[in-house]
Amino acid sequence: MGSGYRLQAELLPPRAVDGASGTANRTEDVFNVVDFGAVGDGIKYCAKAVNKAIRAAKKNGGGVVYFPPGRYRFGQQGNTESELQITSSNITLRGAGNSASAETSSILYLDHYIPGNKFLLYGHGHHHPGPVEEAAGVHVVASVPAEAIKLHVSDVSDYSAGDCFRLHGNSKAWLTPWFGDIPLDPKWEDLSKQGITFDQPHCVAHVNHEASVLTLNSPIHTEIVIKKDQTSLKLLRIQMLSDIGIEMLRFESGWKKEKKPLCHLCDDKNTLGWQAILLTLVKDSYIRDCVFDSWIGSVKLEMSRANTVSHNAVVGKPGHHCYRTLRSYGNLFLENSDTAGTWHGPSFEMFDSGSVFLRHKLARGQAVDAHGNLPTHTLVDGASGGVLYGAGGNEMAFPNHAEKLTIWNFEHRAVDVRGKKYLLSCERLFYFFDIPYLVVYEFTSGVINS
C-alpha cells in the first residue's frame, strides 16, 4: 500500500547543503529568524520573532524559516503568542543541526508547561465546507468496496480535482460487515454506543458530474456498506496545507528538570502537557532529522495524509507518546527511534488507515501501540528492540485494531517494562485485534538492563 510524502510518487526535497544560509538549492527564499528579532542565547523568548518570520514566508508564498546555531527559548508565561504557528503551505522550518550543542545546532527549548493540550509547534489547515454541504450535507449514496477509488455521492457540484474532504460518519449497521459473528464486549463502549466510526482525509483526482462520482487519488482500504436512504457517511470539505517541512532541529523541554517521572493519565499535565509538534489537516509534508529530548508528546499527525516522518530520535526522559498518527491516511514513519522508552511506542489509532512504520527502533521492552478505535491496514516492518505485549489504550476504545494489522520481521527484545514476560499475549493480540497478519522472526528474553 502507498504511504508517505505524495504517497511516494516522488522523493523528499533535497537536504540542505549550505549550513550558513540554510539553503538546499539556490532557488529557495530564506527567512533567518535572527533578522526578525530572535536571539539564540537561551535567555530571550523568541515566539513572536519566529512567528514574524513564518508570516513573512507566508506573505512571500513560501520559503525556508532558518534557525542559525543557538538555543531559542519559548514558553513565556502570560504571553498569548507562546506557540509557533504554520498556517500556509510551502514553508520549511530548518535548523543547522540536531546535536545537544548550541554552538553547532539549532535548539528550540520550551521552558514552561503550556496548559490546555498545547503544542510548541502547530501546522494546520482548516475545515472549509462548501455551500452545498452547508445546505444539505453531501453524503455517499452507494456501498464502497474495499480498495475503491470511486465514490458515488449525492452532489458533486461543489467539488473539483485537487479538493480534499473529510470522509466521516458512524453507524451500527457497519458492525456486521466488519465483525461478522465475533462477539462484541459491552465494555467496548465506543463501539457499542456509536457503532463503527469512519473518519479519514481523502482528495479528489477527477469529478464526473453526470454520474455524480468522485474519483480519488488513493483508495479507501475498507469496505463500507451503504443501505438505501442511508446518509451516515458524509463528506466535509477541508483545506489542507501541503509542502510543510520541519528538519534539522532539536526540540527540548523543561520537563526534563522536573523530578517526578511520568504518572500515566494522572492529570492533564502528564497526559497532554509538554508536547512538541502537531500537524493537522496537512498533506505531502515531512518531519526529518530532528531530535526530541524529554517530551510527554513528541510528534502527532491528525487528520493528515501522505506525510513522511523520517530519521528522527526521541531521547531523554520517557514521556507518554513518541510518534502518533490518528484519523489519518497513508503516513510513513521511516527509520525513527525512541531510546527514551515512552509509555506508548509508535502509535496508530482512531480510524487511521494505511500507515507504515518501517525499520523503527524501540526502546528495550517498549510496546508497539495499536491504541484503539479501529485503525486499519497498518504495516509495521523491521521494527526492533521492543515487545508486542501490552499494546493499546483504554478498554472502552477496543478493539485495538480492525482488519489487516501486519507485523513483519519483528525483533522482540527483553521483558516488558511493566514486569510481564510474554513474547505474545494471545488474548490481547487476537481477541482485541481483528485477524492480524503476524510474523515474528527473533525473540530474546532477559532482563531490561542486560
Protein backbone atom coordinates (compact mmCIF):
# COMPACT_ATOMS: atom_id res chain seq x y z
CA MET A 1 0.00 0.00 0.00
CA GLY A 2 1.24 3.51 -0.81
CA SER A 3 2.26 5.76 2.06
CA GLY A 4 4.39 8.78 2.74
CA TYR A 5 5.22 12.04 1.01
CA ARG A 6 2.98 12.37 -2.06
CA LEU A 7 2.36 8.67 -1.38
CA GLN A 8 5.94 8.15 -2.61
CA ALA A 9 5.27 9.31 -6.15
CA GLU A 10 8.39 11.44 -5.74
CA LEU A 11 11.34 11.81 -3.36
CA LEU A 12 11.52 14.23 -0.46
CA PRO A 13 13.14 17.59 -1.27
CA PRO A 14 16.96 17.52 -1.04
CA ARG A 15 18.58 18.13 2.33
CA ALA A 16 20.30 21.46 2.99
CA VAL A 17 23.92 21.66 1.86
CA ASP A 18 24.77 25.20 2.97
CA GLY A 19 24.62 25.37 6.77
CA ALA A 20 25.47 29.06 6.83
CA SER A 21 22.30 30.07 4.99
CA GLY A 22 20.09 27.05 5.46
CA THR A 23 19.60 26.51 1.73
CA ALA A 24 19.28 23.24 -0.13
CA ASN A 25 19.33 24.95 -3.52
CA ARG A 26 19.71 28.50 -4.73
CA THR A 27 16.05 28.94 -5.64
CA GLU A 28 14.86 28.96 -2.01
CA ASP A 29 13.92 32.16 -0.24
CA VAL A 30 15.38 32.14 3.28
CA PHE A 31 13.94 33.99 6.28
CA ASN A 32 16.53 33.98 9.05
CA VAL A 33 14.79 34.19 12.42
CA VAL A 34 17.62 36.38 13.77
CA ASP A 35 16.68 39.05 11.20
CA PHE A 36 13.21 39.15 12.78
CA GLY A 37 14.42 39.60 16.35
CA ALA A 38 15.10 36.07 17.59
CA VAL A 39 18.21 35.57 19.72
CA GLY A 40 19.66 32.11 20.25
CA ASP A 41 21.13 32.85 23.67
CA GLY A 42 18.71 30.70 25.70
CA ILE A 43 17.53 33.80 27.55
CA LYS A 44 15.30 35.88 25.30
CA TYR A 45 11.85 34.48 24.45
CA CYS A 46 11.57 34.02 20.70
CA ALA A 47 7.99 33.06 19.80
CA LYS A 48 6.98 36.49 18.48
CA ALA A 49 10.11 36.82 16.37
CA VAL A 50 9.86 33.32 14.89
CA ASN A 51 6.16 33.72 14.10
CA LYS A 52 7.01 37.01 12.43
CA ALA A 53 9.48 35.16 10.21
CA ILE A 54 6.86 32.48 9.45
CA ARG A 55 4.33 35.16 8.48
CA ALA A 56 6.92 36.79 6.20
CA ALA A 57 7.45 33.44 4.47
CA LYS A 58 3.67 33.07 4.13
CA LYS A 59 3.36 36.52 2.54
CA ASN A 60 6.15 35.56 0.15
CA GLY A 61 4.25 32.47 -0.96
CA GLY A 62 6.62 30.16 0.90
CA GLY A 63 10.24 29.82 1.92
CA VAL A 64 12.70 28.50 4.47
CA VAL A 65 12.48 29.80 8.03
CA TYR A 66 16.03 29.24 9.17
CA PHE A 67 17.38 28.90 12.71
CA PRO A 68 21.15 29.51 12.89
CA PRO A 69 23.01 27.60 15.63
CA GLY A 70 21.78 28.62 19.06
CA ARG A 71 19.31 27.92 21.83
CA TYR A 72 15.93 29.55 21.22
CA ARG A 73 13.68 29.93 24.24
CA PHE A 74 9.87 29.58 24.22
CA GLY A 75 7.05 29.38 26.76
CA GLN A 76 6.83 32.90 28.13
CA GLN A 77 4.14 33.00 30.81
CA GLY A 78 1.22 35.34 30.18
CA ASN A 79 2.14 35.75 26.50
CA THR A 80 -0.71 34.90 24.14
CA GLU A 81 1.85 34.16 21.42
CA SER A 82 3.81 31.42 23.15
CA GLU A 83 3.46 28.81 20.38
CA LEU A 84 4.66 28.64 16.79
CA GLN A 85 2.01 28.53 14.06
CA ILE A 86 2.30 27.42 10.42
CA THR A 87 -0.95 28.23 8.62
CA SER A 88 0.08 28.23 4.95
CA SER A 89 1.72 25.81 2.53
CA ASN A 90 5.28 25.73 1.19
CA ILE A 91 7.04 26.62 4.44
CA THR A 92 10.07 24.79 5.83
CA LEU A 93 11.44 25.22 9.34
CA ARG A 94 15.11 24.30 9.15
CA GLY A 95 17.94 24.27 11.63
CA ALA A 96 21.70 23.88 11.40
CA GLY A 97 21.82 20.54 13.24
CA ASN A 98 20.20 18.45 15.97
CA SER A 99 23.01 17.79 18.48
CA ALA A 100 22.93 18.99 22.09
CA SER A 101 25.48 21.74 21.36
CA ALA A 102 24.05 25.22 20.70
CA GLU A 103 27.32 26.14 19.04
CA THR A 104 26.69 23.85 16.08
CA SER A 105 22.96 23.05 16.26
CA SER A 106 19.57 24.74 16.49
CA ILE A 107 17.74 24.01 19.75
CA LEU A 108 14.13 25.02 20.35
CA TYR A 109 13.62 24.98 24.11
CA LEU A 110 10.21 25.15 25.84
CA ASP A 111 10.88 26.18 29.42
CA HIS A 112 7.30 26.19 30.81
CA TYR A 113 4.37 23.81 30.59
CA ILE A 114 1.58 25.35 28.47
CA PRO A 115 -1.81 24.21 29.90
CA GLY A 116 -4.69 23.07 27.74
CA ASN A 117 -3.36 20.41 25.34
CA LYS A 118 -0.98 22.87 23.68
CA PHE A 119 1.99 22.18 21.42
CA LEU A 120 5.16 24.18 20.85
CA LEU A 121 4.72 23.95 17.06
CA TYR A 122 1.50 23.67 15.06
CA GLY A 123 0.98 23.19 11.34
CA HIS A 124 -2.71 23.25 10.49
CA GLY A 125 -5.17 23.76 7.67
CA HIS A 126 -8.88 24.35 8.31
CA HIS A 127 -12.34 22.99 7.66
CA HIS A 128 -13.98 24.69 4.72
CA PRO A 129 -17.47 23.39 3.94
CA GLY A 130 -18.88 24.45 0.59
CA PRO A 131 -22.37 25.96 0.16
CA VAL A 132 -23.95 22.67 -0.96
CA GLU A 133 -22.55 20.83 2.07
CA GLU A 134 -23.72 23.51 4.46
CA ALA A 135 -27.22 23.48 2.98
CA ALA A 136 -27.92 19.76 2.67
CA GLY A 137 -24.93 17.64 3.59
CA VAL A 138 -23.13 15.78 0.81
CA HIS A 139 -23.10 12.06 1.54
CA VAL A 140 -22.12 8.72 -0.02
CA VAL A 141 -25.10 7.04 -1.71
CA ALA A 142 -23.69 3.62 -2.68
CA SER A 143 -21.63 0.95 -0.94
CA VAL A 144 -17.87 1.30 -1.13
CA PRO A 145 -15.93 -1.90 -1.95
CA ALA A 146 -12.54 -2.44 -0.32
CA GLU A 147 -9.75 -0.61 -2.20
CA ALA A 148 -12.27 1.50 -4.15
CA ILE A 149 -11.19 4.82 -5.66
CA LYS A 150 -14.67 5.92 -6.79
CA LEU A 151 -17.34 7.40 -4.55
CA HIS A 152 -20.96 7.79 -5.63
CA VAL A 153 -22.17 10.86 -3.76
CA SER A 154 -25.34 12.91 -3.51
CA ASP A 155 -23.90 16.08 -5.07
CA VAL A 156 -20.56 16.84 -6.75
CA SER A 157 -21.32 20.40 -7.86
CA ASP A 158 -19.03 21.93 -5.23
CA TYR A 159 -16.02 19.70 -6.00
CA SER A 160 -13.07 19.97 -8.37
CA ALA A 161 -9.91 17.94 -8.93
CA GLY A 162 -7.45 18.65 -6.13
CA ASP A 163 -10.10 19.33 -3.48
CA CYS A 164 -9.86 17.41 -0.21
CA PHE A 165 -12.55 16.31 2.20
CA ARG A 166 -13.03 14.54 5.49
CA LEU A 167 -14.96 11.29 4.95
CA HIS A 168 -16.81 10.99 8.23
CA GLY A 169 -19.67 9.00 9.71
CA ASN A 170 -20.71 6.31 12.12
CA SER A 171 -23.30 3.55 12.04
CA LYS A 172 -24.16 0.36 13.91
CA ALA A 173 -25.19 -1.08 10.54
CA TRP A 174 -21.49 -1.40 9.70
CA LEU A 175 -20.77 -3.72 12.64
CA THR A 176 -21.84 -6.96 10.93
CA PRO A 177 -19.89 -6.40 7.68
CA TRP A 178 -16.77 -5.65 9.74
CA PHE A 179 -17.01 -8.18 12.55
CA GLY A 180 -19.46 -10.85 11.39
CA ASP A 181 -20.36 -13.10 14.33
CA ILE A 182 -17.40 -12.07 16.52
CA PRO A 183 -18.91 -11.26 19.96
CA LEU A 184 -18.57 -7.61 20.96
CA ASP A 185 -17.83 -6.96 24.61
CA PRO A 186 -20.18 -4.36 26.20
CA LYS A 187 -17.10 -2.83 27.83
CA TRP A 188 -16.12 -1.64 24.37
CA GLU A 189 -18.24 1.44 24.94
CA ASP A 190 -17.29 3.47 21.86
CA LEU A 191 -18.25 0.60 19.57
CA SER A 192 -21.42 -0.42 21.41
CA LYS A 193 -22.76 3.14 21.63
CA GLN A 194 -21.78 4.54 18.23
CA GLY A 195 -21.12 1.52 16.05
CA ILE A 196 -18.30 1.77 13.52
CA THR A 197 -16.88 5.26 13.10
CA PHE A 198 -15.12 6.22 9.87
CA ASP A 199 -13.02 9.40 9.81
CA GLN A 200 -10.26 9.98 7.23
CA PRO A 201 -8.98 12.69 4.85
CA HIS A 202 -9.17 11.99 1.10
CA CYS A 203 -8.55 14.07 -2.03
CA VAL A 204 -10.20 14.23 -5.45
CA ALA A 205 -8.44 13.28 -8.68
CA HIS A 206 -11.41 13.60 -11.06
CA VAL A 207 -15.09 14.64 -10.97
CA ASN A 208 -17.79 13.01 -13.12
CA HIS A 209 -20.67 15.46 -12.91
CA GLU A 210 -23.10 13.39 -14.97
CA ALA A 211 -22.74 10.26 -12.82
CA SER A 212 -22.15 12.23 -9.58
CA VAL A 213 -18.94 10.29 -8.94
CA LEU A 214 -15.70 11.42 -7.34
CA THR A 215 -12.53 9.55 -8.30
CA LEU A 216 -9.97 9.71 -5.50
CA ASN A 217 -6.20 9.85 -5.80
CA SER A 218 -5.79 6.91 -3.40
CA PRO A 219 -8.10 4.00 -2.44
CA ILE A 220 -10.35 3.59 0.56
CA HIS A 221 -8.93 0.41 2.07
CA THR A 222 -12.02 -0.84 3.92
CA GLU A 223 -15.44 -1.93 2.69
CA ILE A 224 -18.32 0.33 3.74
CA VAL A 225 -21.86 -0.91 3.20
CA ILE A 226 -24.38 1.85 2.45
CA LYS A 227 -28.03 0.85 2.64
CA LYS A 228 -30.82 2.55 0.74
CA ASP A 229 -31.58 6.06 2.03
CA GLN A 230 -28.67 5.85 4.50
CA THR A 231 -26.93 9.24 4.79
CA SER A 232 -24.49 8.49 7.61
CA LEU A 233 -21.23 8.71 5.61
CA LYS A 234 -20.70 12.40 4.84
CA LEU A 235 -18.13 14.49 3.00
CA LEU A 236 -16.89 17.57 4.82
CA ARG A 237 -14.66 19.91 2.84
CA ILE A 238 -11.23 20.68 4.30
CA GLN A 239 -8.43 22.98 3.25
CA MET A 240 -5.19 21.07 3.75
CA LEU A 241 -1.72 22.57 3.96
CA SER A 242 0.97 20.95 1.83
CA ASP A 243 4.74 21.01 1.46
CA ILE A 244 5.49 21.76 5.10
CA GLY A 245 9.00 20.77 6.14
CA ILE A 246 10.49 20.52 9.62
CA GLU A 247 14.13 19.43 9.63
CA MET A 248 17.50 19.50 11.35
CA LEU A 249 16.17 20.85 14.65
CA ARG A 250 16.48 19.76 18.26
CA PHE A 251 13.41 20.17 20.46
CA GLU A 252 13.96 20.24 24.23
CA SER A 253 11.56 20.83 27.10
CA GLY A 254 11.78 21.86 30.73
CA TRP A 255 10.00 18.68 31.73
CA LYS A 256 13.44 17.06 31.96
CA LYS A 257 14.14 19.19 35.05
CA GLU A 258 11.00 18.09 36.89
CA LYS A 259 11.89 15.48 39.50
CA LYS A 260 8.81 13.28 39.17
CA PRO A 261 8.62 10.71 36.36
CA LEU A 262 5.59 10.34 34.11
CA CYS A 263 2.44 9.39 36.01
CA HIS A 264 0.35 7.78 33.28
CA LEU A 265 -3.03 9.54 32.85
CA CYS A 266 -2.82 11.06 36.34
CA ASP A 267 -3.67 14.59 35.16
CA ASP A 268 -3.67 16.82 32.09
CA LYS A 269 -0.02 17.71 32.53
CA ASN A 270 1.06 14.05 32.45
CA THR A 271 -1.27 13.24 29.56
CA LEU A 272 -1.36 16.35 27.36
CA GLY A 273 1.43 18.59 28.63
CA TRP A 274 4.90 19.24 27.25
CA GLN A 275 4.05 18.46 23.61
CA ALA A 276 6.31 19.32 20.68
CA ILE A 277 4.70 19.06 17.20
CA LEU A 278 1.13 18.69 15.91
CA LEU A 279 0.33 18.59 12.20
CA THR A 280 -3.37 18.55 11.48
CA LEU A 281 -5.05 18.86 8.06
CA VAL A 282 -1.60 18.63 6.46
CA LYS A 283 -0.56 16.55 3.42
CA ASP A 284 2.54 15.92 1.33
CA SER A 285 4.86 17.17 4.06
CA TYR A 286 7.69 15.85 6.22
CA ILE A 287 9.50 15.90 9.55
CA ARG A 288 13.07 14.61 9.32
CA ASP A 289 16.44 14.63 11.07
CA CYS A 290 15.05 16.06 14.31
CA VAL A 291 15.72 15.10 17.94
CA PHE A 292 13.05 15.30 20.66
CA ASP A 293 14.63 15.46 24.10
CA SER A 294 12.30 14.85 27.08
CA TRP A 295 8.75 15.43 25.87
CA ILE A 296 5.48 13.95 27.06
CA GLY A 297 4.38 14.05 23.41
CA SER A 298 6.83 14.38 20.50
CA VAL A 299 5.13 14.05 17.07
CA LYS A 300 1.40 13.84 16.39
CA LEU A 301 -0.30 13.68 12.97
CA GLU A 302 -4.07 14.12 13.00
CA MET A 303 -6.48 14.25 10.05
CA SER A 304 -3.44 14.34 7.79
CA ARG A 305 -2.32 12.26 4.81
CA ALA A 306 0.69 11.30 2.72
CA ASN A 307 3.34 12.64 5.08
CA THR A 308 6.79 11.25 5.88
CA VAL A 309 8.35 11.28 9.36
CA SER A 310 11.89 10.01 8.94
CA HIS A 311 15.22 9.67 10.73
CA ASN A 312 14.09 11.33 13.95
CA ALA A 313 15.05 10.37 17.51
CA VAL A 314 13.22 10.54 20.85
CA VAL A 315 15.71 10.70 23.74
CA GLY A 316 15.94 11.74 27.38
CA LYS A 317 13.18 11.47 29.96
CA PRO A 318 10.45 8.98 28.89
CA GLY A 319 7.05 10.54 28.23
CA HIS A 320 3.57 9.47 27.11
CA HIS A 321 3.72 9.29 23.27
CA CYS A 322 6.57 9.34 20.75
CA TYR A 323 5.25 9.06 17.14
CA ARG A 324 1.49 9.09 16.78
CA THR A 325 -0.97 9.04 13.85
CA LEU A 326 -4.75 9.21 14.15
CA ARG A 327 -7.73 9.95 11.89
CA SER A 328 -5.19 10.00 9.08
CA TYR A 329 -4.30 8.19 5.87
CA GLY A 330 -1.09 6.85 4.38
CA ASN A 331 1.55 8.35 6.66
CA LEU A 332 5.06 6.85 6.56
CA PHE A 333 7.30 6.63 9.63
CA LEU A 334 10.76 5.68 8.35
CA GLU A 335 13.81 4.72 10.42
CA ASN A 336 12.85 6.62 13.56
CA SER A 337 13.96 5.67 17.06
CA ASP A 338 12.93 6.04 20.68
CA THR A 339 15.69 5.34 23.19
CA ALA A 340 13.81 7.21 25.92
CA GLY A 341 11.21 4.45 26.17
CA THR A 342 7.97 6.46 26.13
CA TRP A 343 4.92 4.79 27.66
CA HIS A 344 3.38 4.17 24.24
CA GLY A 345 5.61 3.12 21.37
CA PRO A 346 4.85 4.05 17.74
CA SER A 347 1.10 4.61 17.82
CA PHE A 348 -1.75 4.25 15.32
CA GLU A 349 -5.32 4.87 16.42
CA MET A 350 -8.78 6.35 15.81
CA PHE A 351 -9.71 5.10 12.32
CA ASP A 352 -6.21 5.72 10.95
CA SER A 353 -5.62 3.78 7.75
CA GLY A 354 -2.65 2.80 5.60
CA SER A 355 0.14 3.94 7.91
CA VAL A 356 3.56 2.29 7.64
CA PHE A 357 6.25 2.06 10.33
CA LEU A 358 9.45 0.89 8.65
CA ARG A 359 12.67 -0.09 10.49
CA HIS A 360 11.61 1.57 13.72
CA LYS A 361 13.92 1.19 16.75
CA LEU A 362 12.02 0.79 20.01
CA ALA A 363 13.45 1.03 23.48
CA ARG A 364 14.04 -2.31 25.19
CA GLY A 365 10.70 -3.59 26.43
CA GLN A 366 8.65 -0.83 24.75
CA ALA A 367 5.37 -1.90 23.12
CA VAL A 368 4.15 -1.28 19.58
CA ASP A 369 0.95 0.67 20.20
CA ALA A 370 -2.26 -0.20 18.36
CA HIS A 371 -4.12 2.28 20.52
CA GLY A 372 -7.75 1.58 19.73
CA ASN A 373 -10.81 2.97 17.91
CA LEU A 374 -10.29 0.76 14.88
CA PRO A 375 -7.24 1.77 12.87
CA THR A 376 -6.97 -0.41 9.75
CA HIS A 377 -4.38 -1.61 7.23
CA THR A 378 -1.25 -0.84 9.25
CA LEU A 379 2.18 -2.23 8.41
CA VAL A 380 4.97 -2.50 11.00
CA ASP A 381 8.02 -3.84 9.16
CA GLY A 382 11.53 -4.31 10.52
CA ALA A 383 10.83 -2.94 14.00
CA SER A 384 13.41 -3.92 16.61
CA GLY A 385 14.09 -3.75 20.31
CA GLY A 386 10.58 -3.79 21.79
CA VAL A 387 7.69 -6.13 22.57
CA LEU A 388 4.21 -6.92 21.29
CA TYR A 389 2.69 -7.43 24.71
CA GLY A 390 0.54 -4.64 26.16
CA ALA A 391 -0.22 -2.68 23.00
CA GLY A 392 -3.20 -0.40 23.17
CA GLY A 393 -5.19 2.17 25.05
CA ASN A 394 -8.30 2.22 27.20
CA GLU A 395 -10.66 -0.77 27.05
CA MET A 396 -13.61 1.44 26.06
CA ALA A 397 -11.80 2.07 22.75
CA PHE A 398 -11.28 -1.62 21.90
CA PRO A 399 -10.74 -3.35 19.55
CA ASN A 400 -7.18 -2.10 19.32
CA HIS A 401 -7.12 -2.59 15.57
CA ALA A 402 -9.55 -3.64 12.86
CA GLU A 403 -8.58 -5.56 9.74
CA LYS A 404 -5.08 -6.11 8.36
CA LEU A 405 -2.59 -5.22 11.01
CA THR A 406 0.64 -6.66 9.57
CA ILE A 407 3.67 -7.03 11.83
CA TRP A 408 6.56 -8.30 9.74
CA ASN A 409 10.18 -9.01 10.63
CA PHE A 410 9.73 -8.01 14.24
CA GLU A 411 12.70 -8.33 16.57
CA HIS A 412 11.40 -8.88 20.10
CA ARG A 413 13.75 -7.86 22.92
CA ALA A 414 13.67 -8.48 26.67
CA VAL A 415 10.80 -8.43 29.13
CA ASP A 416 8.10 -5.79 29.16
CA VAL A 417 8.89 -2.78 31.32
CA ARG A 418 5.77 -3.49 33.39
CA GLY A 419 7.14 -6.84 34.54
CA LYS A 420 5.50 -9.22 32.06
CA LYS A 421 7.49 -11.99 30.40
CA TYR A 422 5.32 -12.89 27.42
CA LEU A 423 6.50 -13.00 23.85
CA LEU A 424 2.89 -12.55 22.83
CA SER A 425 -0.30 -12.33 24.80
CA CYS A 426 -2.78 -14.29 22.70
CA GLU A 427 -5.77 -12.80 24.48
CA ARG A 428 -4.55 -9.26 23.96
CA LEU A 429 -3.39 -9.77 20.42
CA PHE A 430 -6.02 -11.96 18.84
CA TYR A 431 -9.13 -11.21 20.88
CA PHE A 432 -8.86 -7.47 20.65
CA PHE A 433 -7.31 -7.33 17.18
CA ASP A 434 -9.36 -8.32 14.14
CA ILE A 435 -7.40 -11.16 12.47
CA PRO A 436 -3.90 -9.70 12.17
CA TYR A 437 -1.15 -10.95 9.92
CA LEU A 438 1.85 -11.64 12.12
CA VAL A 439 5.42 -12.77 11.60
CA VAL A 440 7.95 -12.63 14.43
CA TYR A 441 11.45 -13.63 13.40
CA GLU A 442 13.59 -13.14 16.51
CA PHE A 443 12.98 -13.31 20.24
CA THR A 444 15.46 -12.63 23.02
CA SER A 445 14.35 -12.97 26.62
CA GLY A 446 16.19 -11.47 29.56
CA VAL A 447 16.16 -8.52 31.88
CA ILE A 448 15.81 -4.90 30.92
CA ASN A 449 19.35 -3.84 31.77
CA SER A 450 21.26 -6.81 30.39
